[in-house]
Amino acid sequence: MTTFYRGRLAPSPTGLLHMGHARTFWTAFERARERGGTLVFRNEDLDPYRSKAEFVGAMFEDLRWLGIEWQEGPDVGGDFGPYAQSERREYYLRAWRKLVDGGFIYPCTCSRKDLAMAAQAPHDADDEPIYPGTCRGKKLEAREPAGVNWRFRVPDGEVIEFADGRMGRQRYVAGKDFGDFVVWRRDDVPAYQLAVVVDDAAMKITEVVRGEDLLRSTARQILVARALGVTIPGYYHCLLVTDEAGMRLAKRHDALSLRALRSVGRNPREVRGVTTGL
């Protein structure tokens, strides 16, 4: 039986979108269009300290300028809203409670100083350090998650495998390639690793298209999805766009933002050609 394709665009309004985003989001658009599927726009504005309203409008405008269209989202509606993460707290709380009741997560009271002194170095520049398990034995009767970090207890030694649509078979060992990770922050903000699993399942996403820097996060999210008993989507991790020094583009690269490229007269086809070879 053929499953109807549902992909998603999931930018965060913490800065202007750049050419790296253009590659990923154009790929997501193309894969949905080629399959006659639906593309969902989800505003990942969970972080109240970094998310800015002005960047939300810029995301819509810049992606439409690039030529991308979506069928569901904050600006067009749909059956699986709300499409802004800041409006989806009830979904995350239900998932948090299920993970607590199932014994999959535990409260962590380690300070940043504690972690800096005890944790192993991260494997990648953008990855979190491997947590040493200091608080694994702690329990806390809590009705709300605020006040401590909540960590997912990974099954040490278990191999997590998945087939990536571009990169083929991927293999990570829990406890070695990544450790117990945060799913809810002490400042009462759901972490990325939990929120995207909950939202992708609720919005019935069948394939997640994103950058290859998130391959290790995929292994973590498979564990969360399994614990929650939700369907695990397919994955397609895009090649990253880098600067002259070979560093991955970030939102601090203002000169390569889509907004800046528009202002100097670049057209959408040029930008798509540079990022995707189209």
C-alpha atoms as a PDB file:
ATOM      1  CA  MET A   1       0.000   0.000   0.000  1.00  0.00           C
ATOM      2  CA  THR A   2       1.359   3.415  -0.965  1.00  0.00           C
ATOM      3  CA  THR A   3       1.509   6.004   1.813  1.00  0.00           C
ATOM      4  CA  PHE A   4       0.615   9.534   0.825  1.00  0.00           C
ATOM      5  CA  TYR A   5       3.702  11.690   1.124  1.00  0.00           C
ATOM      6  CA  ARG A   6       3.808  14.437   3.764  1.00  0.00           C
ATOM      7  CA  GLY A   7       6.971  16.500   4.103  1.00  0.00           C
ATOM      8  CA  ARG A   8       7.724  19.600   6.111  1.00  0.00           C
ATOM      9  CA  LEU A   9       9.634  22.868   6.276  1.00  0.00           C
ATOM     10  CA  ALA A  10      10.644  23.605   9.865  1.00  0.00           C
ATOM     11  CA  PRO A  11      12.613  26.861  10.164  1.00  0.00           C
ATOM     12  CA  SER A  12      13.267  28.666  13.441  1.00  0.00           C
ATOM     13  CA  PRO A  13      12.680  32.446  13.555  1.00  0.00           C
ATOM     14  CA  THR A  14      15.988  33.208  15.255  1.00  0.00           C
ATOM     15  CA  GLY A  15      17.591  35.001  12.310  1.00  0.00           C
ATOM     16  CA  LEU A  16      17.392  35.418   8.551  1.00  0.00           C
ATOM     17  CA  LEU A  17      17.390  32.319   6.374  1.00  0.00           C
ATOM     18  CA  HIS A  18      20.572  31.768   4.331  1.00  0.00           C
ATOM     19  CA  MET A  19      21.726  29.688   1.375  1.00  0.00           C
ATOM     20  CA  GLY A  20      22.097  26.584   3.514  1.00  0.00           C
ATOM     21  CA  HIS A  21      18.428  26.798   4.398  1.00  0.00           C
ATOM     22  CA  ALA A  22      17.659  27.385   0.716  1.00  0.00           C
ATOM     23  CA  ARG A  23      19.244  24.037  -0.208  1.00  0.00           C
ATOM     24  CA  THR A  24      17.419  22.084   2.475  1.00  0.00           C
ATOM     25  CA  PHE A  25      14.025  23.689   1.993  1.00  0.00           C
ATOM     26  CA  TRP A  26      14.177  23.529  -1.803  1.00  0.00           C
ATOM     27  CA  THR A  27      15.015  19.829  -1.515  1.00  0.00           C
ATOM     28  CA  ALA A  28      12.042  19.304   0.814  1.00  0.00           C
ATOM     29  CA  PHE A  29       9.798  21.176  -1.629  1.00  0.00           C
ATOM     30  CA  GLU A  30      11.025  19.205  -4.626  1.00  0.00           C
ATOM     31  CA  ARG A  31      10.657  15.826  -2.904  1.00  0.00           C
ATOM     32  CA  ALA A  32       7.074  16.630  -1.911  1.00  0.00           C
ATOM     33  CA  ARG A  33       6.215  17.984  -5.360  1.00  0.00           C
ATOM     34  CA  GLU A  34       7.737  15.027  -7.220  1.00  0.00           C
ATOM     35  CA  ARG A  35       5.648  12.644  -5.119  1.00  0.00           C
ATOM     36  CA  GLY A  36       2.428  14.613  -5.463  1.00  0.00           C
ATOM     37  CA  GLY A  37       2.431  15.060  -1.701  1.00  0.00           C
ATOM     38  CA  THR A  38       1.738  17.738   0.874  1.00  0.00           C
ATOM     39  CA  LEU A  39       4.329  20.124   2.273  1.00  0.00           C
ATOM     40  CA  VAL A  40       3.748  21.462   5.787  1.00  0.00           C
ATOM     41  CA  PHE A  41       5.284  24.695   7.092  1.00  0.00           C
ATOM     42  CA  ARG A  42       5.971  24.515  10.840  1.00  0.00           C
ATOM     43  CA  ASN A  43       7.261  27.576  12.676  1.00  0.00           C
ATOM     44  CA  GLU A  44       9.734  26.187  15.230  1.00  0.00           C
ATOM     45  CA  ASP A  45       9.563  29.149  17.592  1.00  0.00           C
ATOM     46  CA  LEU A  46       9.938  27.194  20.838  1.00  0.00           C
ATOM     47  CA  ASP A  47      12.831  29.244  22.219  1.00  0.00           C
ATOM     48  CA  PRO A  48      11.227  32.371  23.734  1.00  0.00           C
ATOM     49  CA  TYR A  49      14.595  34.091  24.167  1.00  0.00           C
ATOM     50  CA  ARG A  50      15.833  33.810  20.570  1.00  0.00           C
ATOM     51  CA  SER A  51      12.659  33.688  18.463  1.00  0.00           C
ATOM     52  CA  LYS A  52      11.632  37.052  17.001  1.00  0.00           C
ATOM     53  CA  ALA A  53       8.333  37.961  15.344  1.00  0.00           C
ATOM     54  CA  GLU A  54      10.062  39.914  12.571  1.00  0.00           C
ATOM     55  CA  PHE A  55      11.865  36.772  11.421  1.00  0.00           C
ATOM     56  CA  VAL A  56       8.585  34.864  11.041  1.00  0.00           C
ATOM     57  CA  GLY A  57       7.342  37.198   8.319  1.00  0.00           C
ATOM     58  CA  ALA A  58      10.786  37.166   6.705  1.00  0.00           C
ATOM     59  CA  MET A  59      10.730  33.341   6.536  1.00  0.00           C
ATOM     60  CA  PHE A  60       7.416  33.318   4.674  1.00  0.00           C
ATOM     61  CA  GLU A  61       8.494  36.066   2.288  1.00  0.00           C
ATOM     62  CA  ASP A  62      11.977  34.727   1.537  1.00  0.00           C
ATOM     63  CA  LEU A  63      10.876  31.153   0.925  1.00  0.00           C
ATOM     64  CA  ARG A  64       8.067  32.239  -1.375  1.00  0.00           C
ATOM     65  CA  TRP A  65      10.531  34.468  -3.231  1.00  0.00           C
ATOM     66  CA  LEU A  66      12.712  31.389  -3.691  1.00  0.00           C
ATOM     67  CA  GLY A  67       9.756  29.634  -5.336  1.00  0.00           C
ATOM     68  CA  ILE A  68       8.683  27.311  -2.528  1.00  0.00           C
ATOM     69  CA  GLU A  69       5.012  26.631  -1.884  1.00  0.00           C
ATOM     70  CA  TRP A  70       3.378  24.793   0.998  1.00  0.00           C
ATOM     71  CA  GLN A  71      -0.135  23.489   1.508  1.00  0.00           C
ATOM     72  CA  GLU A  72      -0.382  23.710   5.320  1.00  0.00           C
ATOM     73  CA  GLY A  73       1.071  26.182   7.789  1.00  0.00           C
ATOM     74  CA  PRO A  74       0.482  29.122  10.125  1.00  0.00           C
ATOM     75  CA  ASP A  75      -0.448  31.405   7.231  1.00  0.00           C
ATOM     76  CA  VAL A  76      -2.640  29.004   5.260  1.00  0.00           C
ATOM     77  CA  GLY A  77      -4.176  26.747   7.923  1.00  0.00           C
ATOM     78  CA  GLY A  78      -4.726  23.004   7.734  1.00  0.00           C
ATOM     79  CA  ASP A  79      -6.083  20.040   9.664  1.00  0.00           C
ATOM     80  CA  PHE A  80      -3.067  19.482  11.925  1.00  0.00           C
ATOM     81  CA  GLY A  81      -2.492  22.892  13.497  1.00  0.00           C
ATOM     82  CA  PRO A  82      -1.537  24.916  15.298  1.00  0.00           C
ATOM     83  CA  TYR A  83       1.551  25.177  13.098  1.00  0.00           C
ATOM     84  CA  ALA A  84       3.671  27.236  15.513  1.00  0.00           C
ATOM     85  CA  GLN A  85       5.467  25.300  18.236  1.00  0.00           C
ATOM     86  CA  SER A  86       4.866  28.070  20.774  1.00  0.00           C
ATOM     87  CA  GLU A  87       1.160  27.178  20.554  1.00  0.00           C
ATOM     88  CA  ARG A  88       1.617  23.423  20.980  1.00  0.00           C
ATOM     89  CA  ARG A  89       2.629  23.149  24.649  1.00  0.00           C
ATOM     90  CA  GLU A  90      -0.222  20.762  25.520  1.00  0.00           C
ATOM     91  CA  TYR A  91       1.123  18.212  23.034  1.00  0.00           C
ATOM     92  CA  TYR A  92       4.600  18.351  24.583  1.00  0.00           C
ATOM     93  CA  LEU A  93       3.270  18.094  28.140  1.00  0.00           C
ATOM     94  CA  ARG A  94       1.334  14.932  27.283  1.00  0.00           C
ATOM     95  CA  ALA A  95       4.467  13.435  25.762  1.00  0.00           C
ATOM     96  CA  TRP A  96       6.562  14.442  28.802  1.00  0.00           C
ATOM     97  CA  ARG A  97       4.081  12.772  31.132  1.00  0.00           C
ATOM     98  CA  LYS A  98       4.093   9.586  29.049  1.00  0.00           C
ATOM     99  CA  LEU A  99       7.894   9.464  29.167  1.00  0.00           C
ATOM    100  CA  VAL A 100       7.895  10.054  32.936  1.00  0.00           C
ATOM    101  CA  ASP A 101       5.281   7.356  33.541  1.00  0.00           C
ATOM    102  CA  GLY A 102       7.203   4.929  31.341  1.00  0.00           C
ATOM    103  CA  GLY A 103      10.487   5.524  33.185  1.00  0.00           C
ATOM    104  CA  PHE A 104      12.225   6.759  30.047  1.00  0.00           C
ATOM    105  CA  ILE A 105      13.343  10.125  31.470  1.00  0.00           C
ATOM    106  CA  TYR A 106      14.726  11.393  34.752  1.00  0.00           C
ATOM    107  CA  PRO A 107      15.348  14.779  36.426  1.00  0.00           C
ATOM    108  CA  CYS A 108      18.862  16.194  36.161  1.00  0.00           C
ATOM    109  CA  THR A 109      20.045  18.881  38.559  1.00  0.00           C
ATOM    110  CA  CYS A 110      23.609  19.147  37.227  1.00  0.00           C
ATOM    111  CA  SER A 111      24.786  22.713  36.666  1.00  0.00           C
ATOM    112  CA  ARG A 112      26.614  23.835  33.559  1.00  0.00           C
ATOM    113  CA  LYS A 113      29.802  23.854  35.619  1.00  0.00           C
ATOM    114  CA  ASP A 114      29.184  20.253  36.706  1.00  0.00           C
ATOM    115  CA  LEU A 115      28.702  19.192  33.107  1.00  0.00           C
ATOM    116  CA  ALA A 116      31.758  21.072  31.883  1.00  0.00           C
ATOM    117  CA  MET A 117      33.907  19.296  34.483  1.00  0.00           C
ATOM    118  CA  ALA A 118      32.447  15.795  34.067  1.00  0.00           C
ATOM    119  CA  ALA A 119      31.162  15.336  30.548  1.00  0.00           C
ATOM    120  CA  GLN A 120      33.125  13.959  27.648  1.00  0.00           C
ATOM    121  CA  ALA A 121      33.787  16.218  24.690  1.00  0.00           C
ATOM    122  CA  PRO A 122      31.081  16.239  22.004  1.00  0.00           C
ATOM    123  CA  HIS A 123      31.772  14.287  18.826  1.00  0.00           C
ATOM    124  CA  ASP A 124      30.824  17.184  16.536  1.00  0.00           C
ATOM    125  CA  ALA A 125      31.138  20.947  16.899  1.00  0.00           C
ATOM    126  CA  ASP A 126      27.362  21.343  17.174  1.00  0.00           C
ATOM    127  CA  ASP A 127      26.654  18.211  19.199  1.00  0.00           C
ATOM    128  CA  GLU A 128      26.122  18.074  22.954  1.00  0.00           C
ATOM    129  CA  PRO A 129      28.698  16.447  25.258  1.00  0.00           C
ATOM    130  CA  ILE A 130      28.089  12.870  26.352  1.00  0.00           C
ATOM    131  CA  TYR A 131      26.418  13.053  29.743  1.00  0.00           C
ATOM    132  CA  PRO A 132      28.191  10.950  32.415  1.00  0.00           C
ATOM    133  CA  GLY A 133      24.951   9.728  34.010  1.00  0.00           C
ATOM    134  CA  THR A 134      25.391  11.553  37.321  1.00  0.00           C
ATOM    135  CA  CYS A 135      21.636  11.917  37.971  1.00  0.00           C
ATOM    136  CA  ARG A 136      20.443   8.656  36.429  1.00  0.00           C
ATOM    137  CA  GLY A 137      19.248   7.299  39.756  1.00  0.00           C
ATOM    138  CA  LYS A 138      17.248  10.372  40.730  1.00  0.00           C
ATOM    139  CA  LYS A 139      13.468  10.396  40.940  1.00  0.00           C
ATOM    140  CA  LEU A 140      11.077  13.285  41.332  1.00  0.00           C
ATOM    141  CA  GLU A 141       7.321  13.305  41.787  1.00  0.00           C
ATOM    142  CA  ALA A 142       6.389  16.180  39.510  1.00  0.00           C
ATOM    143  CA  ARG A 143       3.194  17.369  37.897  1.00  0.00           C
ATOM    144  CA  GLU A 144       5.025  19.928  35.796  1.00  0.00           C
ATOM    145  CA  PRO A 145       8.478  19.641  34.208  1.00  0.00           C
ATOM    146  CA  ALA A 146       9.818  23.090  35.192  1.00  0.00           C
ATOM    147  CA  GLY A 147      12.816  23.557  37.499  1.00  0.00           C
ATOM    148  CA  VAL A 148      15.146  20.772  36.353  1.00  0.00           C
ATOM    149  CA  ASN A 149      16.439  19.372  33.106  1.00  0.00           C
ATOM    150  CA  TRP A 150      14.738  16.128  32.101  1.00  0.00           C
ATOM    151  CA  ARG A 151      17.004  13.651  30.346  1.00  0.00           C
ATOM    152  CA  PHE A 152      16.177  10.643  28.212  1.00  0.00           C
ATOM    153  CA  ARG A 153      17.896   7.499  29.516  1.00  0.00           C
ATOM    154  CA  VAL A 154      19.515   5.902  26.458  1.00  0.00           C
ATOM    155  CA  PRO A 155      19.876   2.106  26.260  1.00  0.00           C
ATOM    156  CA  ASP A 156      23.656   1.850  26.597  1.00  0.00           C
ATOM    157  CA  GLY A 157      25.244  -0.324  23.956  1.00  0.00           C
ATOM    158  CA  GLU A 158      22.171  -0.585  21.753  1.00  0.00           C
ATOM    159  CA  VAL A 159      22.750   0.003  18.049  1.00  0.00           C
ATOM    160  CA  ILE A 160      20.376   2.487  16.442  1.00  0.00           C
ATOM    161  CA  GLU A 161      20.181   2.066  12.681  1.00  0.00           C
ATOM    162  CA  PHE A 162      18.186   3.811   9.997  1.00  0.00           C
ATOM    163  CA  ALA A 163      18.274   4.181   6.223  1.00  0.00           C
ATOM    164  CA  ASP A 164      18.878   7.744   5.037  1.00  0.00           C
ATOM    165  CA  GLY A 165      17.441   8.708   1.660  1.00  0.00           C
ATOM    166  CA  ARG A 166      20.706  10.305   0.505  1.00  0.00           C
ATOM    167  CA  MET A 167      23.442   8.801   2.651  1.00  0.00           C
ATOM    168  CA  GLY A 168      22.294   5.212   2.989  1.00  0.00           C
ATOM    169  CA  ARG A 169      22.515   3.069   6.110  1.00  0.00           C
ATOM    170  CA  GLN A 170      23.445   4.927   9.298  1.00  0.00           C
ATOM    171  CA  ARG A 171      24.524   3.311  12.550  1.00  0.00           C
ATOM    172  CA  TYR A 172      25.002   4.807  16.045  1.00  0.00           C
ATOM    173  CA  VAL A 173      25.661   3.180  19.403  1.00  0.00           C
ATOM    174  CA  ALA A 174      23.705   4.603  22.334  1.00  0.00           C
ATOM    175  CA  GLY A 175      25.971   5.542  25.237  1.00  0.00           C
ATOM    176  CA  LYS A 176      28.993   5.719  22.959  1.00  0.00           C
ATOM    177  CA  ASP A 177      28.052   8.013  20.086  1.00  0.00           C
ATOM    178  CA  PHE A 178      25.627   9.991  22.253  1.00  0.00           C
ATOM    179  CA  GLY A 179      24.562   9.930  25.868  1.00  0.00           C
ATOM    180  CA  ASP A 180      21.468  10.772  27.904  1.00  0.00           C
ATOM    181  CA  PHE A 181      20.039  13.881  26.283  1.00  0.00           C
ATOM    182  CA  VAL A 182      17.747  16.689  27.423  1.00  0.00           C
ATOM    183  CA  VAL A 183      14.094  16.538  26.371  1.00  0.00           C
ATOM    184  CA  TRP A 184      12.829  19.349  28.629  1.00  0.00           C
ATOM    185  CA  ARG A 185      14.900  22.293  29.862  1.00  0.00           C
ATOM    186  CA  ARG A 186      14.954  23.615  33.403  1.00  0.00           C
ATOM    187  CA  ASP A 187      13.571  26.955  32.149  1.00  0.00           C
ATOM    188  CA  ASP A 188      10.379  25.066  31.197  1.00  0.00           C
ATOM    189  CA  VAL A 189      11.022  24.925  27.439  1.00  0.00           C
ATOM    190  CA  PRO A 190      10.600  21.587  25.616  1.00  0.00           C
ATOM    191  CA  ALA A 191      13.841  20.602  23.910  1.00  0.00           C
ATOM    192  CA  TYR A 192      14.220  20.114  20.164  1.00  0.00           C
ATOM    193  CA  GLN A 193      14.668  16.350  20.471  1.00  0.00           C
ATOM    194  CA  LEU A 194      11.207  15.971  22.007  1.00  0.00           C
ATOM    195  CA  ALA A 195       9.251  18.680  20.189  1.00  0.00           C
ATOM    196  CA  VAL A 196      10.073  17.599  16.648  1.00  0.00           C
ATOM    197  CA  VAL A 197       9.186  13.957  17.347  1.00  0.00           C
ATOM    198  CA  VAL A 198       5.842  14.968  18.838  1.00  0.00           C
ATOM    199  CA  ASP A 199       5.033  17.379  16.014  1.00  0.00           C
ATOM    200  CA  ASP A 200       6.158  15.137  13.150  1.00  0.00           C
ATOM    201  CA  ALA A 201       3.942  12.359  14.515  1.00  0.00           C
ATOM    202  CA  ALA A 202       0.944  14.627  15.158  1.00  0.00           C
ATOM    203  CA  MET A 203       1.236  16.201  11.700  1.00  0.00           C
ATOM    204  CA  LYS A 204       1.643  12.748  10.081  1.00  0.00           C
ATOM    205  CA  ILE A 205       4.968  13.621   8.441  1.00  0.00           C
ATOM    206  CA  THR A 206       6.215  10.691   6.350  1.00  0.00           C
ATOM    207  CA  GLU A 207       9.686  12.058   5.513  1.00  0.00           C
ATOM    208  CA  VAL A 208      11.940  14.509   7.360  1.00  0.00           C
ATOM    209  CA  VAL A 209      14.305  16.480   5.111  1.00  0.00           C
ATOM    210  CA  ARG A 210      17.074  18.385   6.940  1.00  0.00           C
ATOM    211  CA  GLY A 211      20.838  18.956   7.052  1.00  0.00           C
ATOM    212  CA  GLU A 212      23.349  16.153   7.560  1.00  0.00           C
ATOM    213  CA  ASP A 213      24.540  17.827  10.773  1.00  0.00           C
ATOM    214  CA  LEU A 214      21.420  16.337  12.389  1.00  0.00           C
ATOM    215  CA  LEU A 215      22.178  12.681  11.645  1.00  0.00           C
ATOM    216  CA  ARG A 216      23.065  11.949  15.263  1.00  0.00           C
ATOM    217  CA  SER A 217      19.906  13.717  16.399  1.00  0.00           C
ATOM    218  CA  THR A 218      17.935  11.310  14.229  1.00  0.00           C
ATOM    219  CA  ALA A 219      19.216   8.390  16.300  1.00  0.00           C
ATOM    220  CA  ARG A 220      18.099  10.160  19.467  1.00  0.00           C
ATOM    221  CA  GLN A 221      14.694  10.968  18.007  1.00  0.00           C
ATOM    222  CA  ILE A 222      14.135   7.369  16.959  1.00  0.00           C
ATOM    223  CA  LEU A 223      14.505   6.412  20.626  1.00  0.00           C
ATOM    224  CA  VAL A 224      12.005   9.086  21.679  1.00  0.00           C
ATOM    225  CA  ALA A 225       9.520   8.039  18.991  1.00  0.00           C
ATOM    226  CA  ARG A 226       9.843   4.420  20.056  1.00  0.00           C
ATOM    227  CA  ALA A 227       9.240   5.337  23.710  1.00  0.00           C
ATOM    228  CA  LEU A 228       6.152   7.359  22.771  1.00  0.00           C
ATOM    229  CA  GLY A 229       4.847   4.615  20.509  1.00  0.00           C
ATOM    230  CA  VAL A 230       4.568   6.845  17.436  1.00  0.00           C
ATOM    231  CA  THR A 231       5.410   6.134  13.803  1.00  0.00           C
ATOM    232  CA  ILE A 232       9.009   6.835  12.801  1.00  0.00           C
ATOM    233  CA  PRO A 233       9.204   8.788   9.520  1.00  0.00           C
ATOM    234  CA  GLY A 234      11.712   8.355   6.724  1.00  0.00           C
ATOM    235  CA  TYR A 235      14.766  10.630   6.637  1.00  0.00           C
ATOM    236  CA  TYR A 236      16.715  12.497   3.977  1.00  0.00           C
ATOM    237  CA  HIS A 237      19.756  14.475   5.157  1.00  0.00           C
ATOM    238  CA  CYS A 238      21.030  17.143   2.772  1.00  0.00           C
ATOM    239  CA  LEU A 239      24.620  18.080   2.057  1.00  0.00           C
ATOM    240  CA  LEU A 240      25.577  21.199   4.014  1.00  0.00           C
ATOM    241  CA  VAL A 241      26.475  24.513   2.377  1.00  0.00           C
ATOM    242  CA  THR A 242      29.803  25.832   3.677  1.00  0.00           C
ATOM    243  CA  ASP A 243      31.705  29.118   3.517  1.00  0.00           C
ATOM    244  CA  GLU A 244      35.167  29.731   2.041  1.00  0.00           C
ATOM    245  CA  ALA A 245      36.794  28.242   5.130  1.00  0.00           C
ATOM    246  CA  GLY A 246      34.705  25.094   4.891  1.00  0.00           C
ATOM    247  CA  MET A 247      32.556  26.020   7.890  1.00  0.00           C
ATOM    248  CA  ARG A 248      28.837  25.271   7.853  1.00  0.00           C
ATOM    249  CA  LEU A 249      26.757  28.362   7.173  1.00  0.00           C
ATOM    250  CA  ALA A 250      24.958  29.798  10.183  1.00  0.00           C
ATOM    251  CA  LYS A 251      22.541  32.674  10.648  1.00  0.00           C
ATOM    252  CA  ARG A 252      25.467  34.909  11.548  1.00  0.00           C
ATOM    253  CA  HIS A 253      26.477  34.804   7.852  1.00  0.00           C
ATOM    254  CA  ASP A 254      24.295  37.816   7.085  1.00  0.00           C
ATOM    255  CA  ALA A 255      25.911  38.482   3.709  1.00  0.00           C
ATOM    256  CA  LEU A 256      24.653  35.099   2.490  1.00  0.00           C
ATOM    257  CA  SER A 257      21.130  35.473   3.833  1.00  0.00           C
ATOM    258  CA  LEU A 258      18.338  35.235   1.282  1.00  0.00           C
ATOM    259  CA  ARG A 259      17.264  38.746   2.259  1.00  0.00           C
ATOM    260  CA  ALA A 260      20.742  40.159   1.533  1.00  0.00           C
ATOM    261  CA  LEU A 261      20.981  38.304  -1.780  1.00  0.00           C
ATOM    262  CA  ARG A 262      17.612  39.717  -2.815  1.00  0.00           C
ATOM    263  CA  SER A 263      18.734  43.229  -1.916  1.00  0.00           C
ATOM    264  CA  VAL A 264      21.741  43.073  -4.265  1.00  0.00           C
ATOM    265  CA  GLY A 265      19.655  41.907  -7.195  1.00  0.00           C
ATOM    266  CA  ARG A 266      20.127  38.131  -7.156  1.00  0.00           C
ATOM    267  CA  ASN A 267      17.172  36.247  -8.586  1.00  0.00           C
ATOM    268  CA  PRO A 268      15.665  33.034  -7.210  1.00  0.00           C
ATOM    269  CA  ARG A 269      16.963  30.868 -10.058  1.00  0.00           C
ATOM    270  CA  GLU A 270      20.539  32.010  -9.391  1.00  0.00           C
ATOM    271  CA  VAL A 271      20.267  31.168  -5.712  1.00  0.00           C
ATOM    272  CA  ARG A 272      18.723  27.777  -6.417  1.00  0.00           C
ATOM    273  CA  GLY A 273      21.465  27.079  -8.941  1.00  0.00           C
ATOM    274  CA  VAL A 274      24.236  27.878  -6.473  1.00  0.00           C
ATOM    275  CA  THR A 275      22.770  25.779  -3.667  1.00  0.00           C
ATOM    276  CA  THR A 276      21.334  22.825  -5.554  1.00  0.00           C
ATOM    277  CA  GLY A 277      22.926  22.789  -8.988  1.00  0.00           C
ATOM    278  CA  LEU A 278      19.496  23.206 -10.607  1.00  0.00           C
END
